[in-house]
Protein backbone atom coordinates (compact mmCIF):
# COMPACT_ATOMS: atom_id res chain seq x y z
CA MET A 1 99.33 58.64 112.75
CA LYS A 2 97.65 61.93 111.90
CA TRP A 3 95.28 61.72 114.84
CA LEU A 4 98.19 60.93 117.17
CA LEU A 5 99.89 64.19 116.26
CA GLY A 6 96.58 65.91 116.87
CA LEU A 7 96.54 64.45 120.36
CA LEU A 8 100.06 65.71 120.93
CA LEU A 9 98.94 69.18 119.79
CA TRP A 10 102.04 69.59 117.71
CA SER A 11 100.03 70.12 114.56
CA ASN A 12 98.23 72.97 116.32
CA ALA A 13 101.53 74.60 117.10
CA VAL A 14 102.85 74.62 113.54
CA ALA A 15 99.72 74.95 111.41
CA PHE A 16 98.91 78.34 110.00
CA ALA A 17 97.54 80.45 112.83
CA GLN A 18 96.18 77.43 114.66
CA PRO A 19 95.30 77.85 118.35
CA LEU A 20 97.63 77.01 121.20
CA THR A 21 94.96 75.14 123.12
CA THR A 22 96.37 72.61 125.60
CA ASN A 23 93.90 69.78 125.18
CA THR A 24 95.83 67.07 127.02
CA PRO A 25 94.73 63.64 128.31
CA TYR A 26 94.36 65.29 131.72
CA ASP A 27 91.85 67.80 130.35
CA LEU A 28 89.95 65.08 128.53
CA THR A 29 89.47 62.95 131.64
CA SER A 30 88.89 65.44 134.44
CA THR A 31 86.23 67.89 135.48
CA LEU A 32 86.98 71.53 136.11
CA GLY A 33 85.60 71.32 139.64
CA ALA A 34 84.62 68.66 142.17
CA PRO A 35 81.56 68.15 144.39
CA ILE A 36 81.77 69.62 147.86
CA SER A 37 79.46 69.45 150.82
CA VAL A 38 78.00 72.81 151.76
CA PRO A 39 78.12 73.32 155.57
CA VAL A 40 74.32 73.37 155.74
CA ARG A 41 72.34 70.23 156.37
CA PHE A 42 68.93 69.25 157.60
CA ASP A 43 68.19 66.56 160.17
CA LEU A 44 65.14 64.32 160.43
CA THR A 45 63.29 66.89 162.52
CA GLY A 46 63.54 69.47 159.71
CA ARG A 47 66.00 71.70 161.55
CA VAL A 48 69.20 73.09 160.11
CA SER A 49 71.94 71.23 161.97
CA PHE A 50 75.72 71.25 161.86
CA LYS A 51 76.06 68.32 164.28
CA PHE A 52 74.29 65.04 164.89
CA SER A 53 72.11 64.71 167.95
CA ALA A 54 70.60 61.88 169.97
CA ASP A 55 67.19 62.32 168.37
CA ALA A 56 68.52 62.99 164.86
CA ALA A 57 71.45 60.70 164.03
CA THR A 58 70.80 61.19 160.30
CA SER A 59 71.11 64.42 158.34
CA PHE A 60 70.93 65.50 154.70
CA PRO A 61 73.78 67.80 153.66
CA LEU A 62 73.48 69.89 150.51
CA GLN A 63 76.04 69.22 147.79
CA PHE A 64 77.46 71.73 145.34
CA HIS A 65 79.57 71.38 142.21
CA GLY A 66 80.86 74.62 140.76
CA ALA A 67 83.89 75.97 138.94
CA TRP A 68 84.73 78.82 136.60
CA GLU A 69 87.72 79.49 134.39
CA TRP A 70 88.41 82.50 132.22
CA GLN A 71 91.53 83.15 130.20
CA ARG A 72 92.56 85.86 127.79
CA TYR A 73 95.83 86.25 125.92
CA GLU A 74 97.16 87.10 122.47
CA PHE A 75 100.04 85.89 120.34
CA ILE A 76 101.56 86.29 116.90
CA PRO A 77 100.58 83.23 114.84
CA ALA A 78 102.82 81.20 112.55
CA VAL A 79 101.09 82.65 109.49
CA TYR A 80 103.70 85.42 109.64
CA GLY A 81 106.51 82.88 109.29
CA MET A 82 108.96 81.19 111.66
CA ASN A 83 112.35 82.53 112.76
CA GLU A 84 115.42 80.72 114.05
CA ASP A 85 116.13 83.49 116.55
CA TRP A 86 114.16 85.85 118.75
CA VAL A 87 112.94 88.85 116.75
CA GLU A 88 110.78 91.47 118.42
CA ALA A 89 107.60 92.13 116.47
CA PRO A 90 106.43 95.65 115.60
CA SER A 91 103.75 96.99 117.88
CA ASP A 92 101.26 97.47 115.03
CA MET A 93 101.37 93.79 113.94
CA LEU A 94 98.05 92.04 114.39
CA ARG A 95 97.93 89.52 117.22
CA LEU A 96 95.55 86.60 117.39
CA GLN A 97 93.42 87.22 120.47
CA VAL A 98 92.25 84.17 122.39
CA LYS A 99 89.39 84.34 124.87
CA ARG A 100 88.34 81.18 126.69
CA HIS A 101 85.45 80.82 129.12
CA ARG A 102 84.50 77.59 130.88
CA ILE A 103 81.93 77.09 133.59
CA GLU A 104 80.52 74.10 135.46
CA GLY A 105 77.67 73.90 137.89
CA GLY A 106 75.64 71.29 139.67
CA ALA A 107 73.78 70.53 142.87
CA GLY A 108 72.69 67.46 144.73
CA ILE A 109 71.85 66.11 148.13
CA GLY A 110 73.44 63.57 150.37
CA SER A 111 72.73 61.56 153.45
CA ALA A 112 74.98 61.36 156.51
CA VAL A 113 74.70 58.92 159.41
CA LYS A 114 76.45 59.48 162.74
CA LEU A 115 79.43 57.25 163.39
CA LEU A 116 81.51 57.71 166.55
CA SER A 117 80.60 61.24 167.57
CA GLU A 118 78.26 64.13 166.90
CA THR A 119 80.69 65.57 164.35
CA LEU A 120 81.78 62.44 162.44
CA GLY A 121 79.49 60.74 159.97
CA LEU A 122 79.25 58.38 157.03
CA ALA A 123 78.13 60.41 154.01
CA VAL A 124 76.59 59.37 150.71
CA ALA A 125 75.99 61.87 147.91
CA LEU A 126 74.69 62.04 144.34
CA VAL A 127 75.57 65.20 142.41
CA PRO A 128 74.64 65.81 138.76
CA TYR A 129 76.41 68.65 136.95
CA LYS A 130 76.54 70.39 133.59
CA GLY A 131 79.22 72.47 131.94
CA ALA A 132 80.07 74.49 128.86
CA SER A 133 83.19 75.96 127.32
CA PHE A 134 83.58 78.67 124.70
CA GLU A 135 86.75 79.79 122.98
CA THR A 136 87.27 82.41 120.30
CA ARG A 137 90.38 83.10 118.24
CA ALA A 138 90.16 86.41 116.41
CA PHE A 139 92.41 89.24 115.24
CA LYS A 140 89.78 91.81 116.16
CA LYS A 141 86.48 91.76 118.02
CA PRO A 142 83.70 90.29 115.82
CA THR A 143 80.62 92.37 115.15
CA ARG A 144 78.32 89.86 116.86
CA GLY A 145 80.57 89.33 119.89
CA TRP A 146 83.50 87.13 120.81
CA TYR A 147 81.66 83.79 121.02
CA SER A 148 79.36 84.26 118.01
CA LEU A 149 78.65 81.59 115.43
CA PRO A 150 78.79 82.49 111.70
CA LEU A 151 75.01 82.58 111.39
CA GLU A 152 75.07 84.83 108.32
CA ARG A 153 77.41 85.00 105.36
CA ASN A 154 78.63 88.42 106.48
CA ASP A 155 79.82 86.82 109.73
CA TRP A 156 81.92 84.34 107.76
CA GLU A 157 83.34 87.03 105.48
CA GLU A 158 84.32 89.05 108.55
CA TRP A 159 86.57 86.24 109.83
CA SER A 160 90.21 86.37 108.80
CA VAL A 161 92.19 83.28 107.78
CA GLY A 162 93.37 81.61 110.98
CA GLU A 163 90.43 82.67 113.13
CA GLY A 164 88.12 80.14 114.73
CA ARG A 165 85.74 79.13 117.50
CA ASP A 166 85.43 76.15 119.86
CA TYR A 167 82.23 75.16 121.65
CA GLN A 168 81.71 72.40 124.19
CA VAL A 169 78.72 71.24 126.19
CA TYR A 170 78.89 68.36 128.62
CA GLY A 171 77.27 66.85 131.64
CA GLY A 172 77.80 64.11 134.15
CA ILE A 173 76.97 62.72 137.54
CA THR A 174 79.13 61.83 140.55
CA PHE A 175 78.27 59.31 143.25
CA SER A 176 80.36 59.22 146.41
CA VAL A 177 80.45 57.54 149.79
CA GLY A 178 82.87 58.30 152.59
CA ALA A 179 83.59 59.75 156.02
CA ALA A 180 82.92 63.43 156.78
CA PHE A 181 83.80 65.67 159.74
CA TYR A 182 81.42 68.60 160.27
CA GLY A 183 80.31 67.96 156.68
CA VAL A 184 83.87 68.22 155.35
CA SER A 185 85.01 65.11 153.50
CA LEU A 186 87.97 63.22 155.00
CA ALA A 187 88.03 60.24 152.64
CA GLN A 188 85.64 58.94 150.04
CA ALA A 189 85.14 56.51 147.21
CA GLN A 190 83.55 58.02 144.14
CA ALA A 191 82.41 57.26 140.62
CA THR A 192 81.90 59.83 137.87
CA LYS A 193 80.39 59.42 134.41
CA GLN A 194 80.51 62.22 131.85
CA SER A 195 79.51 62.80 128.20
CA ARG A 196 80.54 65.71 126.01
CA TRP A 197 79.96 67.23 122.57
CA PHE A 198 82.69 69.32 120.98
CA LEU A 199 82.46 71.59 117.91
CA SER A 200 85.45 73.40 116.40
CA LEU A 201 85.38 75.87 113.48
CA ASP A 202 88.52 77.20 111.76
CA LYS A 203 88.83 79.40 108.68
CA VAL A 204 91.66 77.82 106.70
CA SER A 205 91.24 79.98 103.56
CA ASP A 206 88.86 82.58 102.16
CA GLN A 207 86.78 79.76 100.76
CA TYR A 208 87.07 76.82 103.15
CA MET A 209 86.24 76.15 106.78
CA ARG A 210 87.52 73.14 108.69
CA LEU A 211 84.82 71.78 110.97
CA ARG A 212 85.46 69.14 113.64
CA ILE A 213 82.82 67.34 115.69
CA ARG A 214 83.65 65.03 118.56
CA MET A 215 81.57 63.09 121.02
CA ASP A 216 83.32 61.55 124.00
CA ASN A 217 82.42 59.92 127.26
CA TRP A 218 84.42 58.63 130.19
CA LYS A 219 84.03 56.83 133.47
CA LYS A 220 86.24 57.35 136.48
CA VAL A 221 86.13 55.25 139.65
CA GLY A 222 88.50 55.88 142.53
CA THR A 223 89.15 57.35 145.96
CA THR A 224 89.98 60.78 147.36
CA ILE A 225 91.74 61.27 150.68
CA GLY A 226 91.95 64.53 152.58
CA PRO A 227 89.93 67.74 152.96
CA LEU A 228 89.60 70.42 150.30
CA VAL A 229 92.82 72.19 151.28
CA ALA A 230 95.01 69.09 150.81
CA SER A 231 93.61 66.17 148.86
CA TRP A 232 94.93 63.16 146.94
CA GLU A 233 92.97 61.28 144.30
CA ALA A 234 93.58 57.95 142.57
CA ALA A 235 91.21 56.44 140.02
CA LEU A 236 90.74 54.03 137.12
CA LEU A 237 89.60 55.47 133.78
CA LYS A 238 87.76 54.35 130.69
CA TYR A 239 87.53 56.83 127.83
CA PHE A 240 85.95 56.71 124.37
CA ASP A 241 85.63 59.31 121.62
CA HIS A 242 84.30 59.50 118.09
CA GLU A 243 85.48 62.39 115.92
CA ARG A 244 84.72 63.55 112.39
CA SER A 245 86.44 66.29 110.45
CA TYR A 246 85.02 68.09 107.41
CA LEU A 247 86.32 70.63 104.91
CA VAL A 248 83.39 72.85 103.95
CA ASP A 249 83.24 75.06 100.84
CA MET A 250 81.59 78.18 102.25
CA HIS A 251 81.06 79.54 98.70
CA ASN A 252 78.72 76.61 98.06
CA PRO A 253 75.16 77.58 99.17
CA GLU A 254 74.32 73.92 99.87
CA ALA A 255 77.38 73.51 102.06
CA TYR A 256 76.70 76.71 103.96
CA ALA A 257 73.10 75.58 104.55
CA ALA A 258 74.46 72.31 105.97
CA VAL A 259 76.59 74.26 108.45
CA LEU A 260 73.56 76.27 109.57
CA ALA A 261 71.61 73.02 109.96
CA LEU A 262 74.39 71.68 112.16
CA PHE A 263 74.00 74.69 114.47
CA LYS A 264 70.36 73.61 114.85
CA GLY A 265 71.34 70.07 115.77
CA ARG A 266 71.07 68.32 112.39
CA LEU A 267 74.25 66.52 111.38
CA ASP A 268 72.92 64.43 108.50
CA GLU A 269 73.16 67.21 105.91
CA LEU A 270 76.93 67.32 106.30
CA GLN A 271 77.08 63.70 105.15
CA THR A 272 76.19 64.76 101.60
CA ALA A 273 78.58 65.80 98.86
CA SER A 274 78.30 69.41 100.05
CA ALA A 275 81.20 68.82 102.44
CA VAL A 276 84.33 66.72 102.14
CA GLN A 277 84.83 64.38 105.08
CA GLU A 278 88.58 64.50 105.75
CA GLU A 279 88.91 62.10 108.64
CA GLU A 280 86.91 59.90 110.98
CA SER A 281 88.28 58.15 114.02
CA GLU A 282 87.12 56.26 117.05
CA ARG A 283 89.43 55.80 120.00
CA MET A 284 89.10 53.80 123.17
CA TRP A 285 91.38 54.23 126.17
CA GLN A 286 91.78 52.81 129.63
CA GLY A 287 94.23 53.84 132.30
CA THR A 288 94.87 55.44 135.66
CA TYR A 289 94.45 58.93 137.04
CA HIS A 290 96.33 60.46 139.97
CA ALA A 291 96.04 64.02 141.23
CA ARG A 292 96.83 66.06 144.30
CA TYR A 293 95.84 69.55 145.36
CA LEU A 294 97.28 71.85 148.01
CA GLY A 295 95.94 75.31 148.74
CA ILE A 296 92.83 77.30 149.52
CA PRO A 297 90.05 76.33 147.08
CA PHE A 298 88.94 79.08 144.67
CA ILE A 299 91.62 81.41 146.12
CA TYR A 300 95.10 80.00 145.58
CA GLY A 301 96.56 76.56 145.21
CA GLN A 302 98.45 74.14 143.00
CA SER A 303 97.14 71.04 141.28
CA THR A 304 99.40 68.26 140.05
CA ALA A 305 97.93 65.50 137.90
CA ARG A 306 99.25 62.36 136.26
CA VAL A 307 97.29 60.39 133.67
CA ARG A 308 98.50 57.14 132.13
CA LEU A 309 96.43 55.68 129.31
CA GLU A 310 96.63 52.59 127.16
CA GLY A 311 94.45 52.34 124.13
CA PHE A 312 93.97 51.75 120.47
CA GLU A 313 92.18 53.25 117.51
CA ILE A 314 89.16 51.10 116.78
CA ALA A 315 88.28 52.64 113.40
CA GLY A 316 90.55 50.97 110.85
CA SER A 317 93.49 49.41 112.64
CA GLU A 318 94.05 48.60 116.28
CA ARG A 319 97.04 50.81 117.01
CA GLN A 320 98.38 50.10 120.48
CA LEU A 321 99.63 53.17 122.33
CA GLY A 322 100.83 54.06 125.78
CA ILE A 323 100.31 57.67 126.86
CA LEU A 324 101.64 59.43 129.95
CA ASN A 325 100.58 62.97 130.81
CA ILE A 326 102.05 65.00 133.69
CA GLN A 327 100.56 68.41 134.38
CA VAL A 328 101.14 71.04 137.05
CA THR A 329 98.76 74.00 137.18
CA ASN A 330 98.20 76.79 139.68
CA LYS A 331 94.55 77.49 140.38
CA GLY A 332 92.52 80.15 142.12
CA VAL A 333 91.60 83.81 141.91
CA LEU A 334 95.03 84.76 143.27
CA ARG A 335 97.01 82.51 140.98
CA GLU A 336 99.73 82.20 138.40
CA ALA A 337 97.91 80.06 135.87
CA ASP A 338 101.00 78.81 134.07
CA PRO A 339 100.59 75.12 133.14
CA GLN A 340 103.68 72.95 132.84
CA ILE A 341 102.84 69.84 130.83
CA TRP A 342 104.68 66.78 129.59
CA THR A 343 103.10 64.21 127.30
CA VAL A 344 104.93 60.99 126.43
CA VAL A 345 103.59 58.56 123.82
CA HIS A 346 104.94 55.05 123.24
CA ASP A 347 103.89 53.84 119.80
CA VAL A 348 104.27 50.06 119.78
CA GLN A 349 103.70 49.71 116.05
CA ASP A 350 106.58 51.87 114.83
CA GLU A 351 108.72 51.24 117.96
CA MET A 352 109.09 54.91 118.79
CA ILE A 353 108.64 56.98 121.90
CA TYR A 354 107.56 60.60 121.49
CA PHE A 355 108.08 63.45 123.96
CA LEU A 356 106.22 66.75 124.01
CA GLY A 357 106.95 69.36 126.67
CA LEU A 358 104.88 72.51 127.00
CA SER A 359 105.16 75.58 129.19
CA GLN A 360 102.56 78.30 128.87
CA SER A 361 102.48 81.58 130.74
CA LEU A 362 99.04 83.10 131.17
CA GLU A 363 99.62 85.08 134.35
CA LYS A 364 103.31 85.30 135.19
CA GLY A 365 104.42 86.03 131.64
CA SER A 366 107.50 84.90 129.76
CA LEU A 367 109.49 85.08 133.00
CA GLY A 368 107.65 82.00 134.23
CA VAL A 369 108.52 80.03 131.10
CA LYS A 370 112.21 80.88 131.37
CA GLU A 371 112.36 80.09 135.10
CA ARG A 372 110.64 76.71 134.80
CA PHE A 373 110.96 75.40 131.27
CA GLY A 374 114.26 77.14 130.66
CA ARG A 375 115.72 75.52 133.76
CA TRP A 376 114.59 72.08 132.61
CA MET A 377 116.25 72.67 129.24
CA ARG A 378 119.46 73.79 130.92
CA ASP A 379 119.57 70.73 133.16
CA VAL A 380 119.14 68.36 130.23
CA GLY A 381 121.89 70.19 128.36
CA LEU A 382 119.82 72.21 125.86
CA ASN A 383 121.44 75.60 126.28
CA MET A 384 119.69 78.50 124.55
CA GLU A 385 119.91 82.26 124.72
CA TRP A 386 116.63 83.70 125.95
CA PRO A 387 115.51 87.23 125.13
CA GLU A 388 114.64 89.81 127.73
CA VAL A 389 111.62 88.40 129.53
CA GLY A 390 109.00 90.01 131.70
CA LYS A 391 105.92 89.30 133.76
CA LYS A 392 103.43 90.70 131.24
CA ASP A 393 104.41 88.97 128.00
CA PHE A 394 102.43 85.85 127.09
CA LEU A 395 104.64 83.02 125.86
CA ASP A 396 103.94 79.45 124.78
CA ALA A 397 107.11 77.32 124.49
CA ARG A 398 107.27 73.69 123.34
CA LEU A 399 109.81 70.94 122.83
CA MET A 400 109.25 67.87 120.70
CA PHE A 401 111.51 64.95 119.89
CA ALA A 402 111.24 61.26 119.09
CA LEU A 403 113.51 58.36 119.99
CA SER A 404 113.65 54.79 118.80
CA VAL A 405 112.82 52.20 121.43
CA ASP A 406 116.24 50.56 120.96
CA ARG A 407 118.06 53.83 121.63
CA TRP A 408 115.89 54.54 124.65
CA GLU A 409 116.49 51.06 126.06
CA LYS A 410 120.24 51.56 125.70
CA TRP A 411 120.14 54.76 127.73
CA SER A 412 117.79 53.35 130.36
CA GLU A 413 120.07 50.34 130.94
CA THR A 414 122.99 52.60 131.87
CA ALA A 415 124.10 52.28 135.50
CA VAL A 416 124.81 55.55 137.31
CA GLU A 417 126.65 55.91 140.62
CA ALA A 418 125.31 58.25 143.30
CA SER A 419 128.67 60.06 143.37
CA GLN A 420 128.41 60.77 139.64
CA TYR A 421 124.93 62.16 140.04
CA GLN A 422 125.95 64.22 143.06
CA ALA A 423 128.88 65.74 141.14
CA ALA A 424 126.59 66.67 138.26
CA CYS A 425 124.15 68.31 140.69
CA LYS A 426 126.96 70.42 142.12
CA LEU A 427 127.80 71.83 138.69
CA VAL A 428 124.32 73.31 138.28
CA LYS A 429 123.67 73.86 142.00
CA LEU A 430 120.66 71.58 142.48
CA THR A 431 119.50 70.24 145.86
CA CYS A 432 120.65 66.74 144.84
CA GLN A 433 124.22 67.90 145.46
CA LYS A 434 123.55 66.53 148.94
CA LEU A 435 124.65 62.89 148.95
CA SER A 436 121.48 61.69 150.69
CA LYS A 437 119.25 63.15 147.96
CA ALA A 438 121.53 61.88 145.21
CA LYS A 439 121.40 58.35 146.68
CA LYS A 440 117.60 58.51 146.91
CA ALA A 441 117.30 59.51 143.24
CA ILE A 442 119.71 56.79 142.08
CA LYS A 443 117.92 54.17 144.17
CA ARG A 444 114.63 55.05 142.49
CA TRP A 445 116.29 55.03 139.05
CA ASN A 446 117.64 51.53 139.62
CA GLU A 447 114.23 50.32 140.81
CA VAL A 448 112.56 51.66 137.68
CA ARG A 449 115.08 50.44 135.11
CA ASN A 450 115.22 46.96 136.69
CA SER A 451 111.44 46.68 136.96
CA GLU A 452 109.64 43.72 135.42
CA SER A 453 106.48 45.77 134.91
CA LYS A 454 104.98 46.07 131.43
CA HIS A 455 104.98 49.83 132.10
CA ARG A 456 108.76 49.96 132.52
CA MET A 457 109.20 51.98 129.31
CA MET A 458 106.88 54.73 130.49
CA GLN A 459 108.21 54.60 134.06
CA THR A 460 111.74 55.32 132.93
CA ALA A 461 110.45 58.09 130.67
CA GLU A 462 108.58 59.66 133.58
CA PHE A 463 111.68 59.51 135.79
CA ILE A 464 113.77 61.29 133.16
CA VAL A 465 111.13 63.98 132.68
CA ARG A 466 111.13 64.63 136.42
CA HIS A 467 114.95 64.39 136.68
CA PRO A 468 116.34 66.09 133.55
CA LEU A 469 119.88 66.19 134.94
CA MET A 470 119.89 62.38 134.93
CA TRP A 471 119.11 62.50 131.21
CA ASN A 472 122.08 64.80 130.69
CA LEU A 473 124.34 62.42 132.62
CA LEU A 474 123.13 59.36 130.68
CA LEU A 475 123.92 61.10 127.39
CA LYS A 476 127.40 61.95 128.60
CA LEU A 477 128.10 58.39 129.83
CA ASN A 478 126.97 56.96 126.47
CA GLY A 479 128.84 59.55 124.43
CA GLU A 480 125.64 60.61 122.61
CA THR A 481 123.63 63.74 122.01
CA LEU A 482 119.94 64.59 121.99
CA THR A 483 118.40 66.70 119.22
CA VAL A 484 115.07 68.43 119.79
CA GLU A 485 112.83 70.93 118.05
CA PHE A 486 112.01 74.06 120.03
CA MET A 487 109.07 76.31 119.18
CA ALA A 488 107.68 79.41 120.83
CA HIS A 489 104.77 81.72 120.15
CA GLY A 490 104.22 84.92 122.06
CA ALA A 491 102.77 88.39 122.00
CA ARG A 492 106.13 90.18 121.89
CA TRP A 493 108.28 88.09 119.53
CA LEU A 494 107.78 86.64 116.09
CA PRO A 495 107.25 82.85 116.15
CA VAL A 496 110.47 80.93 116.82
CA GLN A 497 111.40 77.49 115.51
CA ARG A 498 114.87 76.08 115.96
CA VAL A 499 116.78 72.83 116.43
CA LEU A 500 118.76 72.38 119.65
CA THR A 501 121.29 69.71 120.62
CA THR A 502 122.99 68.77 123.89
CA GLU A 503 126.49 69.22 122.46
CA THR A 504 127.01 72.28 124.66
CA SER A 505 125.93 70.51 127.86
CA PRO A 506 127.31 72.06 131.10
CA LEU A 507 128.54 68.57 132.04
CA ASN A 508 130.86 68.35 129.01
């Protein structure tokens, strides 16, 4: 179960000064960018051509894969303690500074054959790419630079408890075939294969470092419809990872030498008694991937993704799990990079269903969390007093709760009339106060809860996540309450941890 909580990231939120990295199933199974066809291509005569011609019905467009992401924020870690209420931190309190840099690049070539006109063609492309990601978590700038490894003992001594580094390198290749207009893709089938190595270092005490190593690979096969400014993707996924975790005594010369050897690519020395292997796991997943994008690439746009995985741990016991991840992120240079993420896990073995909601403000500040996440909480009946929020304060807010399958089934079997839902919408002034929209929502709810699909459990969970007011109404009709744990880390307030219930729902 320990690795499951790691997947949910909850352990990262409550551990002493651990990072607030959002490593969700979506991030594990998607690339940062996607191949595009550069509007330059060569025909069989060797000329640069933007259209097909009678004597050159075949051309060779250049392909490019590139993306860049850079984030910087700071927050007060849990090492200072947790508070039940919002308490503004003194300005001189040290903040953990997070700097993250990820870049991908690749190039390939394709072949396009004229179809019906000089501008429409059938295109085939093969694009290899490579990528890397670096993250540093530090209270002050390290002597050797933000992304430095502890290559000397002085580097390690300089780190404070709670600081750490993450490093990733990966590569893959994408094959696609589809229709293109003036070199711009209209629809295509594609297959991507990627492998990645991940290294994480965290200083957990003055003596010990926690070191995690993971190797993963995934395959994705699906289709994409639409040009760059408005595209929809659907795919099948297969994912595998192998992870090892070690606790290294940095006061032990042999152990420290093993860490340095790892930086040079030798892992075998860590297998000795110089380091304590805490955990080893292998996981295999399969599932579906859906995403859509609307906007101007690299400038401004919004990406919405949905990943549903089924899998089991293959080291030890075969633990069946169902995982649903819903993520909305704004992307581009002119953007508000504030991810809104929901992860739902159905654990078949202990008959529980876990919910984790996350709202993180990187650009718009704590105002974005209150407007989006706060509204969701209000609609579900989790009323909470928010502090004064602004557009410059970083805030990471999370909700976590678990329900038994029996309790969830009871709620999901509850019939709701469109008039009841419409009346509830009027109380909080949602668009579903219109009868037509209320009927549409109830129709979909009845379809999901009466479904014979083996995914019914996750389908009802997804509906409730997307329609929190329905959750509120179901609780009221069943005379029950929902209890959740709320946590928040930010740059302005001391860490907050409190228990909320729906007893003060606006529908009561």
